[in-house]
Amino acid sequence: MTAGTAHAPLPEDPLARFLHSLGAEGRAVVDPSAPPAAGPAVIHLLSELESAAREELASPPPPISMPSAAWALRLLYEGCRFVVCRDVGEPEVVASLKAPCPEARSHSVDWSVDLLFRHLPDLVAKARHLNKADPLVRELQFLAVSWPLSSVGVPGLTGTPLDLDPFLGHPALRQLYVDRILRTQDLSRLGHPVVDEGLRTAIGAHPELAPEIARGL
């Protein structure tokens, strides 16, 4: 994911443009100002995004929660905006990224938030590259801890308790989590009995495919 500001005003909702560019180009296009509330075009694009993500899973995920997906979209947008617009002060960064999710975590909420927050590892990496001591990095790391399904591969979370219960009981989300651990070789996610068993099952008789994970189990 790359981030940048729009070069010219477009007759589109900024969030809709952001979603479209993210999906079509892997590029996060943002405006310098905070986005408006999600409108009908954004809700439609979120539904399309969820349908496409659903087809990539081996088994059906829980239903989408649109309020949670829209909340995650706004925070991801703001995170990208703060990476690009370096003159934004700490109070605005904190206030924007600490806005609470409108729903308590659950299978559905974690899945819906993950539709956007799966880009969080890339965003954290970009923010750290700019300035590891930036308040933006601190707030993004807090989101990474709060939404562990989406933050696999984010370094520096070792020793911080991660609450896996809201998603680990759902087969599709559990497998998604295991697959991400294998893909990123994130050893910090080992140690939970359910996760470790899922990793052993996934590796099977071929530990050479994930040697570091196999040695850690």
N, C-alpha and C. Protein backbone atom coordinates (compact mmCIF):
# COMPACT_ATOMS: atom_id res chain seq x y z
N MET A 1 0.84 -1.19 0.00
CA MET A 1 0.00 0.00 0.00
C MET A 1 0.88 1.24 0.00
N THR A 2 0.65 2.14 -0.95
CA THR A 2 1.32 3.42 -0.95
C THR A 2 0.29 4.50 -0.64
N ALA A 3 0.75 5.60 -0.08
CA ALA A 3 -0.17 6.66 0.32
C ALA A 3 0.22 7.96 -0.37
N GLY A 4 -0.79 8.76 -0.70
CA GLY A 4 -0.54 10.05 -1.31
C GLY A 4 -1.77 10.91 -1.26
N THR A 5 -1.59 12.19 -1.49
CA THR A 5 -2.74 13.09 -1.51
C THR A 5 -3.29 13.17 -2.93
N ALA A 6 -4.57 13.49 -3.03
CA ALA A 6 -5.18 13.67 -4.34
C ALA A 6 -4.58 14.91 -5.00
N HIS A 7 -4.25 14.83 -6.26
CA HIS A 7 -3.62 15.96 -6.95
C HIS A 7 -4.65 16.97 -7.45
N ALA A 8 -5.88 16.59 -7.59
CA ALA A 8 -6.91 17.50 -8.05
C ALA A 8 -8.23 17.06 -7.47
N PRO A 9 -9.12 18.06 -7.19
CA PRO A 9 -10.42 17.70 -6.63
C PRO A 9 -11.20 16.82 -7.61
N LEU A 10 -11.84 15.79 -7.09
CA LEU A 10 -12.65 14.89 -7.89
C LEU A 10 -14.07 14.91 -7.36
N PRO A 11 -15.06 14.73 -8.23
CA PRO A 11 -16.47 14.77 -7.79
C PRO A 11 -16.90 13.48 -7.10
N GLU A 12 -16.06 13.02 -6.17
CA GLU A 12 -16.32 11.78 -5.45
C GLU A 12 -16.19 12.04 -3.97
N ASP A 13 -16.89 11.27 -3.19
CA ASP A 13 -16.68 11.24 -1.75
C ASP A 13 -15.23 10.82 -1.50
N PRO A 14 -14.49 11.51 -0.62
CA PRO A 14 -13.10 11.14 -0.38
C PRO A 14 -12.92 9.70 0.09
N LEU A 15 -13.84 9.22 0.93
CA LEU A 15 -13.73 7.84 1.39
C LEU A 15 -13.98 6.86 0.25
N ALA A 16 -14.90 7.20 -0.64
CA ALA A 16 -15.16 6.33 -1.80
C ALA A 16 -13.94 6.30 -2.72
N ARG A 17 -13.32 7.46 -2.92
CA ARG A 17 -12.12 7.51 -3.76
C ARG A 17 -10.99 6.71 -3.11
N PHE A 18 -10.86 6.83 -1.81
CA PHE A 18 -9.85 6.09 -1.07
C PHE A 18 -10.06 4.59 -1.24
N LEU A 19 -11.29 4.13 -1.04
CA LEU A 19 -11.59 2.71 -1.17
C LEU A 19 -11.33 2.22 -2.59
N HIS A 20 -11.76 3.00 -3.56
CA HIS A 20 -11.58 2.60 -4.96
C HIS A 20 -10.10 2.49 -5.32
N SER A 21 -9.31 3.48 -4.95
CA SER A 21 -7.88 3.46 -5.29
C SER A 21 -7.15 2.36 -4.54
N LEU A 22 -7.57 2.10 -3.31
CA LEU A 22 -6.94 1.04 -2.52
C LEU A 22 -7.18 -0.32 -3.16
N GLY A 23 -8.42 -0.54 -3.62
CA GLY A 23 -8.76 -1.81 -4.22
C GLY A 23 -8.22 -1.98 -5.62
N ALA A 24 -8.27 -0.91 -6.42
CA ALA A 24 -7.89 -1.01 -7.82
C ALA A 24 -6.38 -0.90 -8.04
N GLU A 25 -5.71 -0.09 -7.20
CA GLU A 25 -4.29 0.20 -7.44
C GLU A 25 -3.39 -0.15 -6.26
N GLY A 26 -3.98 -0.51 -5.14
CA GLY A 26 -3.18 -0.72 -3.94
C GLY A 26 -2.58 0.58 -3.44
N ARG A 27 -3.22 1.69 -3.78
CA ARG A 27 -2.71 3.03 -3.45
C ARG A 27 -3.75 3.77 -2.64
N ALA A 28 -3.35 4.33 -1.51
CA ALA A 28 -4.29 5.04 -0.64
C ALA A 28 -4.26 6.52 -0.95
N VAL A 29 -5.27 7.01 -1.64
CA VAL A 29 -5.35 8.42 -2.01
C VAL A 29 -6.19 9.15 -0.96
N VAL A 30 -5.61 10.17 -0.34
CA VAL A 30 -6.29 10.91 0.72
C VAL A 30 -6.25 12.40 0.43
N ASP A 31 -7.17 13.11 1.05
CA ASP A 31 -7.20 14.57 1.00
C ASP A 31 -6.53 15.11 2.27
N PRO A 32 -6.10 16.37 2.26
CA PRO A 32 -5.46 16.92 3.46
C PRO A 32 -6.40 17.09 4.65
N SER A 33 -7.70 17.18 4.39
CA SER A 33 -8.66 17.41 5.48
C SER A 33 -9.33 16.11 5.88
N ALA A 34 -9.93 16.12 7.06
CA ALA A 34 -10.64 14.94 7.57
C ALA A 34 -11.81 14.60 6.66
N PRO A 35 -12.12 13.31 6.50
CA PRO A 35 -13.19 12.90 5.57
C PRO A 35 -14.57 13.10 6.19
N PRO A 36 -15.60 13.19 5.35
CA PRO A 36 -16.97 13.25 5.86
C PRO A 36 -17.42 11.86 6.31
N ALA A 37 -18.62 11.79 6.83
CA ALA A 37 -19.19 10.49 7.22
C ALA A 37 -19.40 9.63 5.98
N ALA A 38 -19.40 8.33 6.17
CA ALA A 38 -19.59 7.40 5.05
C ALA A 38 -20.99 7.55 4.46
N GLY A 39 -21.04 7.77 3.16
CA GLY A 39 -22.31 7.90 2.46
C GLY A 39 -22.69 6.63 1.73
N PRO A 40 -23.77 6.66 0.96
CA PRO A 40 -24.24 5.47 0.26
C PRO A 40 -23.20 4.84 -0.66
N ALA A 41 -22.42 5.67 -1.35
CA ALA A 41 -21.40 5.13 -2.26
C ALA A 41 -20.35 4.34 -1.49
N VAL A 42 -20.00 4.83 -0.31
CA VAL A 42 -19.00 4.14 0.51
C VAL A 42 -19.56 2.82 1.02
N ILE A 43 -20.80 2.83 1.47
CA ILE A 43 -21.43 1.60 1.96
C ILE A 43 -21.48 0.55 0.86
N HIS A 44 -21.79 0.98 -0.35
CA HIS A 44 -21.82 0.05 -1.49
C HIS A 44 -20.44 -0.54 -1.75
N LEU A 45 -19.40 0.30 -1.70
CA LEU A 45 -18.04 -0.19 -1.95
C LEU A 45 -17.57 -1.12 -0.84
N LEU A 46 -17.98 -0.84 0.39
CA LEU A 46 -17.63 -1.73 1.49
C LEU A 46 -18.28 -3.10 1.31
N SER A 47 -19.51 -3.11 0.83
CA SER A 47 -20.19 -4.39 0.57
C SER A 47 -19.46 -5.17 -0.52
N GLU A 48 -19.02 -4.48 -1.56
CA GLU A 48 -18.28 -5.15 -2.63
C GLU A 48 -16.93 -5.67 -2.12
N LEU A 49 -16.29 -4.88 -1.27
CA LEU A 49 -15.02 -5.30 -0.70
C LEU A 49 -15.18 -6.56 0.13
N GLU A 50 -16.23 -6.60 0.93
CA GLU A 50 -16.48 -7.78 1.75
C GLU A 50 -16.79 -9.00 0.91
N SER A 51 -17.55 -8.83 -0.15
CA SER A 51 -17.88 -9.96 -1.02
C SER A 51 -16.63 -10.55 -1.65
N ALA A 52 -15.72 -9.68 -2.08
CA ALA A 52 -14.48 -10.16 -2.69
C ALA A 52 -13.60 -10.87 -1.65
N ALA A 53 -13.51 -10.31 -0.45
CA ALA A 53 -12.70 -10.94 0.60
C ALA A 53 -13.29 -12.27 1.02
N ARG A 54 -14.60 -12.36 1.05
CA ARG A 54 -15.30 -13.59 1.43
C ARG A 54 -14.95 -14.73 0.48
N GLU A 55 -14.82 -14.43 -0.80
CA GLU A 55 -14.55 -15.46 -1.80
C GLU A 55 -13.13 -16.03 -1.67
N GLU A 56 -12.25 -15.32 -0.98
CA GLU A 56 -10.87 -15.78 -0.85
C GLU A 56 -10.69 -16.78 0.28
N LEU A 57 -11.73 -16.95 1.11
CA LEU A 57 -11.62 -17.85 2.26
C LEU A 57 -12.11 -19.24 1.91
N ALA A 58 -11.58 -20.22 2.62
CA ALA A 58 -11.96 -21.62 2.36
C ALA A 58 -13.34 -21.94 2.92
N SER A 59 -13.76 -21.20 3.95
CA SER A 59 -15.09 -21.40 4.53
C SER A 59 -15.72 -20.05 4.79
N PRO A 60 -17.04 -19.99 4.94
CA PRO A 60 -17.72 -18.68 5.06
C PRO A 60 -17.33 -17.94 6.33
N PRO A 61 -17.06 -16.64 6.21
CA PRO A 61 -16.80 -15.82 7.39
C PRO A 61 -18.13 -15.38 8.01
N PRO A 62 -18.10 -14.72 9.14
CA PRO A 62 -19.34 -14.18 9.72
C PRO A 62 -19.89 -13.05 8.86
N PRO A 63 -21.10 -12.62 9.10
CA PRO A 63 -21.67 -11.52 8.31
C PRO A 63 -20.97 -10.20 8.61
N ILE A 64 -21.01 -9.31 7.66
CA ILE A 64 -20.39 -8.00 7.84
C ILE A 64 -21.21 -7.15 8.79
N SER A 65 -20.53 -6.37 9.59
CA SER A 65 -21.15 -5.33 10.41
C SER A 65 -20.76 -4.00 9.80
N MET A 66 -21.68 -3.36 9.12
CA MET A 66 -21.35 -2.14 8.39
C MET A 66 -20.88 -1.00 9.28
N PRO A 67 -21.47 -0.78 10.47
CA PRO A 67 -20.94 0.30 11.31
C PRO A 67 -19.47 0.11 11.68
N SER A 68 -19.08 -1.12 11.96
CA SER A 68 -17.69 -1.39 12.32
C SER A 68 -16.77 -1.25 11.11
N ALA A 69 -17.22 -1.71 9.95
CA ALA A 69 -16.41 -1.57 8.74
C ALA A 69 -16.22 -0.10 8.40
N ALA A 70 -17.28 0.70 8.53
CA ALA A 70 -17.18 2.13 8.23
C ALA A 70 -16.25 2.82 9.23
N TRP A 71 -16.30 2.41 10.48
CA TRP A 71 -15.39 2.98 11.49
C TRP A 71 -13.94 2.66 11.14
N ALA A 72 -13.66 1.42 10.78
CA ALA A 72 -12.30 1.01 10.43
C ALA A 72 -11.81 1.75 9.18
N LEU A 73 -12.71 1.94 8.24
CA LEU A 73 -12.35 2.67 7.03
C LEU A 73 -11.90 4.09 7.37
N ARG A 74 -12.65 4.74 8.23
CA ARG A 74 -12.31 6.12 8.60
C ARG A 74 -10.95 6.18 9.30
N LEU A 75 -10.70 5.23 10.22
CA LEU A 75 -9.43 5.26 10.93
C LEU A 75 -8.26 4.93 10.01
N LEU A 76 -8.46 4.00 9.09
CA LEU A 76 -7.39 3.70 8.14
C LEU A 76 -7.11 4.92 7.26
N TYR A 77 -8.17 5.57 6.83
CA TYR A 77 -8.02 6.80 6.02
C TYR A 77 -7.23 7.84 6.80
N GLU A 78 -7.62 8.05 8.06
CA GLU A 78 -6.95 9.06 8.87
C GLU A 78 -5.48 8.68 9.10
N GLY A 79 -5.20 7.39 9.32
CA GLY A 79 -3.82 6.97 9.49
C GLY A 79 -2.99 7.27 8.26
N CYS A 80 -3.56 7.00 7.08
CA CYS A 80 -2.85 7.31 5.83
C CYS A 80 -2.68 8.81 5.66
N ARG A 81 -3.70 9.57 6.03
CA ARG A 81 -3.62 11.03 5.92
C ARG A 81 -2.51 11.58 6.81
N PHE A 82 -2.37 11.04 8.00
CA PHE A 82 -1.35 11.53 8.91
C PHE A 82 0.06 11.15 8.46
N VAL A 83 0.20 10.04 7.74
CA VAL A 83 1.49 9.67 7.18
C VAL A 83 1.92 10.68 6.11
N VAL A 84 0.94 11.14 5.34
CA VAL A 84 1.23 12.06 4.23
C VAL A 84 1.32 13.50 4.72
N CYS A 85 0.38 13.90 5.55
CA CYS A 85 0.29 15.29 6.00
C CYS A 85 1.03 15.43 7.33
N ARG A 86 2.30 15.68 7.27
CA ARG A 86 3.14 15.64 8.46
C ARG A 86 2.98 16.85 9.37
N ASP A 87 2.19 17.85 8.93
CA ASP A 87 2.01 19.04 9.75
C ASP A 87 0.83 18.91 10.72
N VAL A 88 0.12 17.79 10.68
CA VAL A 88 -1.00 17.58 11.60
C VAL A 88 -0.45 17.38 13.01
N GLY A 89 -1.03 18.09 13.98
CA GLY A 89 -0.53 18.03 15.34
C GLY A 89 -0.95 16.78 16.09
N GLU A 90 -0.23 16.49 17.18
CA GLU A 90 -0.50 15.31 17.98
C GLU A 90 -1.94 15.25 18.50
N PRO A 91 -2.54 16.36 18.98
CA PRO A 91 -3.92 16.27 19.49
C PRO A 91 -4.91 15.73 18.46
N GLU A 92 -4.76 16.15 17.19
CA GLU A 92 -5.67 15.66 16.16
C GLU A 92 -5.41 14.19 15.85
N VAL A 93 -4.15 13.81 15.81
CA VAL A 93 -3.80 12.41 15.56
C VAL A 93 -4.42 11.52 16.64
N VAL A 94 -4.22 11.90 17.90
CA VAL A 94 -4.72 11.09 19.01
C VAL A 94 -6.24 11.05 19.01
N ALA A 95 -6.86 12.20 18.85
CA ALA A 95 -8.33 12.25 18.87
C ALA A 95 -8.94 11.41 17.76
N SER A 96 -8.34 11.43 16.59
CA SER A 96 -8.88 10.69 15.45
C SER A 96 -8.70 9.19 15.61
N LEU A 97 -7.51 8.77 16.02
CA LEU A 97 -7.20 7.34 16.06
C LEU A 97 -7.66 6.66 17.34
N LYS A 98 -8.07 7.44 18.32
CA LYS A 98 -8.62 6.84 19.54
C LYS A 98 -10.15 6.82 19.53
N ALA A 99 -10.77 7.21 18.43
CA ALA A 99 -12.22 7.13 18.34
C ALA A 99 -12.64 5.67 18.51
N PRO A 100 -13.52 5.36 19.46
CA PRO A 100 -13.84 3.95 19.76
C PRO A 100 -14.69 3.30 18.67
N CYS A 101 -14.49 2.03 18.49
CA CYS A 101 -15.34 1.26 17.59
C CYS A 101 -16.77 1.31 18.11
N PRO A 102 -17.76 1.46 17.25
CA PRO A 102 -19.15 1.58 17.72
C PRO A 102 -19.75 0.30 18.27
N GLU A 103 -19.05 -0.83 18.11
CA GLU A 103 -19.58 -2.11 18.60
C GLU A 103 -18.50 -2.87 19.34
N ALA A 104 -18.93 -3.69 20.29
CA ALA A 104 -17.99 -4.55 21.01
C ALA A 104 -17.44 -5.62 20.06
N ARG A 105 -16.23 -6.06 20.32
CA ARG A 105 -15.61 -7.06 19.46
C ARG A 105 -16.41 -8.36 19.47
N SER A 106 -16.47 -9.00 18.32
CA SER A 106 -17.17 -10.27 18.12
C SER A 106 -16.65 -10.85 16.82
N HIS A 107 -17.10 -12.05 16.46
CA HIS A 107 -16.73 -12.63 15.17
C HIS A 107 -16.99 -11.64 14.05
N SER A 108 -18.21 -11.12 14.00
CA SER A 108 -18.63 -10.24 12.92
C SER A 108 -17.86 -8.93 12.92
N VAL A 109 -17.67 -8.35 14.10
CA VAL A 109 -16.98 -7.07 14.19
C VAL A 109 -15.51 -7.22 13.81
N ASP A 110 -14.84 -8.25 14.30
CA ASP A 110 -13.43 -8.43 13.96
C ASP A 110 -13.25 -8.66 12.46
N TRP A 111 -14.14 -9.42 11.86
CA TRP A 111 -14.07 -9.64 10.41
C TRP A 111 -14.29 -8.34 9.66
N SER A 112 -15.26 -7.56 10.07
CA SER A 112 -15.59 -6.32 9.38
C SER A 112 -14.47 -5.30 9.49
N VAL A 113 -13.90 -5.17 10.67
CA VAL A 113 -12.78 -4.25 10.86
C VAL A 113 -11.56 -4.72 10.05
N ASP A 114 -11.36 -6.03 9.98
CA ASP A 114 -10.21 -6.57 9.27
C ASP A 114 -10.25 -6.28 7.77
N LEU A 115 -11.41 -6.07 7.22
CA LEU A 115 -11.49 -5.74 5.80
C LEU A 115 -10.63 -4.53 5.46
N LEU A 116 -10.49 -3.61 6.42
CA LEU A 116 -9.65 -2.43 6.24
C LEU A 116 -8.34 -2.53 6.99
N PHE A 117 -8.40 -3.01 8.22
CA PHE A 117 -7.20 -3.04 9.06
C PHE A 117 -6.18 -4.08 8.62
N ARG A 118 -6.50 -4.93 7.65
CA ARG A 118 -5.48 -5.84 7.13
C ARG A 118 -4.34 -5.05 6.48
N HIS A 119 -4.59 -3.77 6.21
CA HIS A 119 -3.54 -2.90 5.69
C HIS A 119 -2.72 -2.25 6.81
N LEU A 120 -3.08 -2.51 8.06
CA LEU A 120 -2.41 -1.88 9.19
C LEU A 120 -0.90 -2.19 9.25
N PRO A 121 -0.46 -3.44 9.02
CA PRO A 121 0.99 -3.68 9.05
C PRO A 121 1.78 -2.79 8.10
N ASP A 122 1.27 -2.60 6.89
CA ASP A 122 1.95 -1.72 5.93
C ASP A 122 1.97 -0.29 6.43
N LEU A 123 0.86 0.15 7.01
CA LEU A 123 0.76 1.53 7.49
C LEU A 123 1.71 1.76 8.67
N VAL A 124 1.77 0.81 9.58
CA VAL A 124 2.70 0.93 10.71
C VAL A 124 4.13 1.01 10.20
N ALA A 125 4.47 0.18 9.23
CA ALA A 125 5.83 0.20 8.68
C ALA A 125 6.18 1.55 8.06
N LYS A 126 5.23 2.14 7.34
CA LYS A 126 5.48 3.44 6.72
C LYS A 126 5.65 4.53 7.77
N ALA A 127 4.81 4.49 8.80
CA ALA A 127 4.91 5.49 9.86
C ALA A 127 6.23 5.36 10.60
N ARG A 128 6.67 4.14 10.88
CA ARG A 128 7.94 3.92 11.58
C ARG A 128 9.12 4.39 10.74
N HIS A 129 9.00 4.21 9.43
CA HIS A 129 10.08 4.62 8.53
C HIS A 129 10.27 6.14 8.59
N LEU A 130 9.18 6.87 8.77
CA LEU A 130 9.26 8.32 8.83
C LEU A 130 9.84 8.79 10.15
N ASN A 131 9.37 8.21 11.26
CA ASN A 131 9.82 8.63 12.59
C ASN A 131 9.30 7.65 13.63
N LYS A 132 10.18 6.83 14.17
CA LYS A 132 9.74 5.81 15.13
C LYS A 132 9.17 6.42 16.41
N ALA A 133 9.56 7.66 16.72
CA ALA A 133 9.09 8.29 17.94
C ALA A 133 7.84 9.14 17.73
N ASP A 134 7.31 9.12 16.54
CA ASP A 134 6.12 9.92 16.22
C ASP A 134 4.91 9.41 17.00
N PRO A 135 4.07 10.30 17.53
CA PRO A 135 2.83 9.86 18.19
C PRO A 135 1.96 8.99 17.29
N LEU A 136 2.05 9.19 15.98
CA LEU A 136 1.28 8.37 15.05
C LEU A 136 1.67 6.90 15.19
N VAL A 137 2.95 6.61 15.34
CA VAL A 137 3.40 5.23 15.51
C VAL A 137 2.81 4.64 16.78
N ARG A 138 2.82 5.40 17.85
CA ARG A 138 2.26 4.93 19.12
C ARG A 138 0.78 4.58 18.98
N GLU A 139 0.02 5.44 18.32
CA GLU A 139 -1.41 5.21 18.18
C GLU A 139 -1.70 4.03 17.24
N LEU A 140 -0.91 3.89 16.19
CA LEU A 140 -1.10 2.76 15.28
C LEU A 140 -0.74 1.45 15.97
N GLN A 141 0.26 1.46 16.82
CA GLN A 141 0.62 0.25 17.56
C GLN A 141 -0.49 -0.11 18.55
N PHE A 142 -1.14 0.88 19.12
CA PHE A 142 -2.27 0.60 20.00
C PHE A 142 -3.39 -0.09 19.22
N LEU A 143 -3.65 0.36 18.00
CA LEU A 143 -4.65 -0.30 17.16
C LEU A 143 -4.20 -1.72 16.81
N ALA A 144 -2.92 -1.90 16.58
CA ALA A 144 -2.40 -3.23 16.25
C ALA A 144 -2.62 -4.21 17.40
N VAL A 145 -2.43 -3.73 18.62
CA VAL A 145 -2.67 -4.58 19.79
C VAL A 145 -4.16 -4.85 19.95
N SER A 146 -4.98 -3.85 19.69
CA SER A 146 -6.42 -3.96 19.90
C SER A 146 -7.10 -4.87 18.89
N TRP A 147 -6.50 -5.02 17.70
CA TRP A 147 -7.11 -5.80 16.62
C TRP A 147 -6.10 -6.83 16.09
N PRO A 148 -5.83 -7.87 16.88
CA PRO A 148 -4.74 -8.81 16.55
C PRO A 148 -4.95 -9.62 15.29
N LEU A 149 -6.19 -9.85 14.87
CA LEU A 149 -6.40 -10.57 13.62
C LEU A 149 -5.75 -9.84 12.46
N SER A 150 -5.79 -8.52 12.51
CA SER A 150 -5.31 -7.70 11.41
C SER A 150 -3.84 -7.34 11.50
N SER A 151 -3.23 -7.51 12.65
CA SER A 151 -1.89 -6.96 12.86
C SER A 151 -0.79 -8.00 12.85
N VAL A 152 -1.07 -9.20 12.35
CA VAL A 152 -0.02 -10.21 12.26
C VAL A 152 1.13 -9.67 11.41
N GLY A 153 2.33 -9.80 11.92
CA GLY A 153 3.50 -9.30 11.20
C GLY A 153 3.99 -7.96 11.68
N VAL A 154 3.20 -7.27 12.52
CA VAL A 154 3.66 -6.00 13.08
C VAL A 154 4.67 -6.29 14.18
N PRO A 155 5.90 -5.82 14.07
CA PRO A 155 6.90 -6.11 15.11
C PRO A 155 6.69 -5.22 16.33
N GLY A 156 7.32 -5.61 17.42
CA GLY A 156 7.31 -4.77 18.61
C GLY A 156 6.11 -4.96 19.52
N LEU A 157 5.28 -5.98 19.26
CA LEU A 157 4.12 -6.22 20.10
C LEU A 157 4.37 -7.34 21.10
N THR A 158 5.57 -7.89 21.12
CA THR A 158 5.92 -8.98 22.03
C THR A 158 5.75 -8.54 23.48
N GLY A 159 5.12 -9.39 24.27
CA GLY A 159 4.91 -9.08 25.68
C GLY A 159 3.63 -8.35 25.96
N THR A 160 2.96 -7.91 24.91
CA THR A 160 1.68 -7.22 25.08
C THR A 160 0.54 -8.23 24.94
N PRO A 161 -0.34 -8.34 25.93
CA PRO A 161 -1.44 -9.31 25.82
C PRO A 161 -2.34 -9.01 24.62
N LEU A 162 -2.62 -10.04 23.85
CA LEU A 162 -3.50 -9.91 22.69
C LEU A 162 -4.75 -10.72 22.96
N ASP A 163 -5.90 -10.11 22.80
CA ASP A 163 -7.17 -10.79 23.04
C ASP A 163 -7.64 -11.44 21.74
N LEU A 164 -7.46 -12.76 21.66
CA LEU A 164 -7.83 -13.50 20.45
C LEU A 164 -9.24 -14.08 20.53
N ASP A 165 -9.84 -14.08 21.71
CA ASP A 165 -11.11 -14.76 21.91
C ASP A 165 -12.24 -14.30 20.98
N PRO A 166 -12.34 -12.99 20.68
CA PRO A 166 -13.47 -12.57 19.85
C PRO A 166 -13.50 -13.15 18.44
N PHE A 167 -12.36 -13.68 17.94
CA PHE A 167 -12.38 -14.25 16.60
C PHE A 167 -11.91 -15.70 16.53
N LEU A 168 -11.19 -16.16 17.54
CA LEU A 168 -10.53 -17.46 17.43
C LEU A 168 -11.53 -18.62 17.39
N GLY A 169 -12.73 -18.42 17.90
CA GLY A 169 -13.71 -19.49 17.88
C GLY A 169 -14.41 -19.67 16.55
N HIS A 170 -14.16 -18.77 15.60
CA HIS A 170 -14.78 -18.90 14.28
C HIS A 170 -13.81 -19.59 13.32
N PRO A 171 -14.20 -20.71 12.71
CA PRO A 171 -13.25 -21.49 11.88
C PRO A 171 -12.57 -20.69 10.77
N ALA A 172 -13.34 -19.87 10.06
CA ALA A 172 -12.75 -19.13 8.94
C ALA A 172 -11.75 -18.10 9.43
N LEU A 173 -12.07 -17.40 10.52
CA LEU A 173 -11.17 -16.37 11.03
C LEU A 173 -9.95 -17.00 11.69
N ARG A 174 -10.15 -18.12 12.35
CA ARG A 174 -9.01 -18.84 12.95
C ARG A 174 -8.02 -19.26 11.87
N GLN A 175 -8.54 -19.80 10.77
CA GLN A 175 -7.66 -20.22 9.68
C GLN A 175 -6.98 -19.03 9.03
N LEU A 176 -7.70 -17.92 8.90
CA LEU A 176 -7.12 -16.71 8.34
C LEU A 176 -5.95 -16.24 9.20
N TYR A 177 -6.13 -16.30 10.51
CA TYR A 177 -5.08 -15.90 11.45
C TYR A 177 -3.87 -16.82 11.32
N VAL A 178 -4.11 -18.12 11.29
CA VAL A 178 -3.02 -19.09 11.15
C VAL A 178 -2.27 -18.87 9.83
N ASP A 179 -3.00 -18.67 8.76
CA ASP A 179 -2.37 -18.46 7.45
C ASP A 179 -1.47 -17.23 7.46
N ARG A 180 -1.92 -16.19 8.13
CA ARG A 180 -1.12 -14.96 8.19
C ARG A 180 0.16 -15.17 9.02
N ILE A 181 0.06 -15.93 10.09
CA ILE A 181 1.24 -16.22 10.89
C ILE A 181 2.26 -16.99 10.05
N LEU A 182 1.80 -17.96 9.28
CA LEU A 182 2.69 -18.73 8.43
C LEU A 182 3.30 -17.85 7.33
N ARG A 183 2.50 -16.99 6.76
CA ARG A 183 2.99 -16.16 5.66
C ARG A 183 4.04 -15.15 6.15
N THR A 184 3.83 -14.57 7.32
CA THR A 184 4.75 -13.55 7.82
C THR A 184 5.84 -14.12 8.71
N GLN A 185 5.70 -15.42 9.10
CA GLN A 185 6.65 -16.03 10.03
C GLN A 185 6.72 -15.23 11.33
N ASP A 186 5.57 -14.82 11.81
CA ASP A 186 5.48 -14.00 13.02
C ASP A 186 5.54 -14.90 14.26
N LEU A 187 6.74 -15.12 14.76
CA LEU A 187 6.94 -16.03 15.89
C LEU A 187 6.31 -15.50 17.17
N SER A 188 6.07 -14.20 17.23
CA SER A 188 5.49 -13.62 18.45
C SER A 188 4.06 -14.10 18.68
N ARG A 189 3.42 -14.65 17.66
CA ARG A 189 2.04 -15.09 17.79
C ARG A 189 1.94 -16.55 18.27
N LEU A 190 3.07 -17.21 18.47
CA LEU A 190 3.03 -18.58 18.98
C LEU A 190 2.79 -18.59 20.48
N GLY A 191 2.26 -19.69 20.98
CA GLY A 191 2.09 -19.85 22.41
C GLY A 191 0.66 -20.05 22.86
N HIS A 192 -0.30 -19.68 22.02
CA HIS A 192 -1.71 -19.94 22.33
C HIS A 192 -2.02 -21.37 21.88
N PRO A 193 -2.58 -22.21 22.75
CA PRO A 193 -2.77 -23.62 22.39
C PRO A 193 -3.62 -23.83 21.15
N VAL A 194 -4.66 -23.06 20.97
CA VAL A 194 -5.51 -23.22 19.79
C VAL A 194 -4.76 -22.80 18.53
N VAL A 195 -4.03 -21.71 18.62
CA VAL A 195 -3.25 -21.23 17.48
C VAL A 195 -2.14 -22.22 17.13
N ASP A 196 -1.43 -22.69 18.15
CA ASP A 196 -0.34 -23.63 17.90
C ASP A 196 -0.85 -24.91 17.25
N GLU A 197 -1.99 -25.39 17.70
CA GLU A 197 -2.56 -26.60 17.10
C GLU A 197 -2.94 -26.34 15.64
N GLY A 198 -3.50 -25.17 15.37
CA GLY A 198 -3.83 -24.82 13.99
C GLY A 198 -2.60 -24.75 13.11
N LEU A 199 -1.51 -24.24 13.65
CA LEU A 199 -0.26 -24.17 12.90
C LEU A 199 0.30 -25.57 12.63
N ARG A 200 0.24 -26.44 13.65
CA ARG A 200 0.73 -27.81 13.45
C ARG A 200 -0.08 -28.52 12.35
N THR A 201 -1.38 -28.31 12.37
CA THR A 201 -2.24 -28.93 11.36
C THR A 201 -1.91 -28.38 9.98
N ALA A 202 -1.71 -27.07 9.89
CA ALA A 202 -1.42 -26.45 8.60
C ALA A 202 -0.07 -26.91 8.04
N ILE A 203 0.92 -27.04 8.92
CA ILE A 203 2.25 -27.45 8.48
C ILE A 203 2.27 -28.94 8.13
N GLY A 204 1.58 -29.73 8.96
CA GLY A 204 1.49 -31.16 8.69
C GLY A 204 2.85 -31.83 8.65
N ALA A 205 3.05 -32.61 7.61
CA ALA A 205 4.29 -33.37 7.46
C ALA A 205 5.35 -32.60 6.69
N HIS A 206 5.16 -31.28 6.55
CA HIS A 206 6.10 -30.50 5.74
C HIS A 206 6.62 -29.30 6.53
N PRO A 207 7.33 -29.55 7.64
CA PRO A 207 7.86 -28.43 8.44
C PRO A 207 8.87 -27.58 7.68
N GLU A 208 9.42 -28.13 6.60
CA GLU A 208 10.39 -27.36 5.82
C GLU A 208 9.75 -26.15 5.13
N LEU A 209 8.42 -26.17 5.03
CA LEU A 209 7.72 -25.05 4.41
C LEU A 209 7.67 -23.83 5.33
N ALA A 210 7.77 -24.06 6.63
CA ALA A 210 7.78 -22.98 7.61
C ALA A 210 8.73 -23.37 8.73
N PRO A 211 10.03 -23.42 8.47
CA PRO A 211 10.97 -23.99 9.43
C PRO A 211 11.03 -23.23 10.77
N GLU A 212 10.97 -21.90 10.74
CA GLU A 212 11.04 -21.15 11.99
C GLU A 212 9.83 -21.39 12.85
N ILE A 213 8.65 -21.43 12.23
CA ILE A 213 7.42 -21.70 12.97
C ILE A 213 7.47 -23.13 13.53
N ALA A 214 7.90 -24.07 12.71
CA ALA A 214 7.97 -25.49 13.14
C ALA A 214 8.90 -25.64 14.34
N ARG A 215 10.01 -24.93 14.33
CA ARG A 215 10.95 -25.04 15.46
C ARG A 215 10.38 -24.40 16.71
N GLY A 216 9.50 -23.41 16.53
CA GLY A 216 8.95 -22.71 17.68
C GLY A 216 7.77 -23.41 18.33
N LEU A 217 7.21 -24.39 17.64
CA LEU A 217 6.04 -25.08 18.17
C LEU A 217 6.44 -26.19 19.16
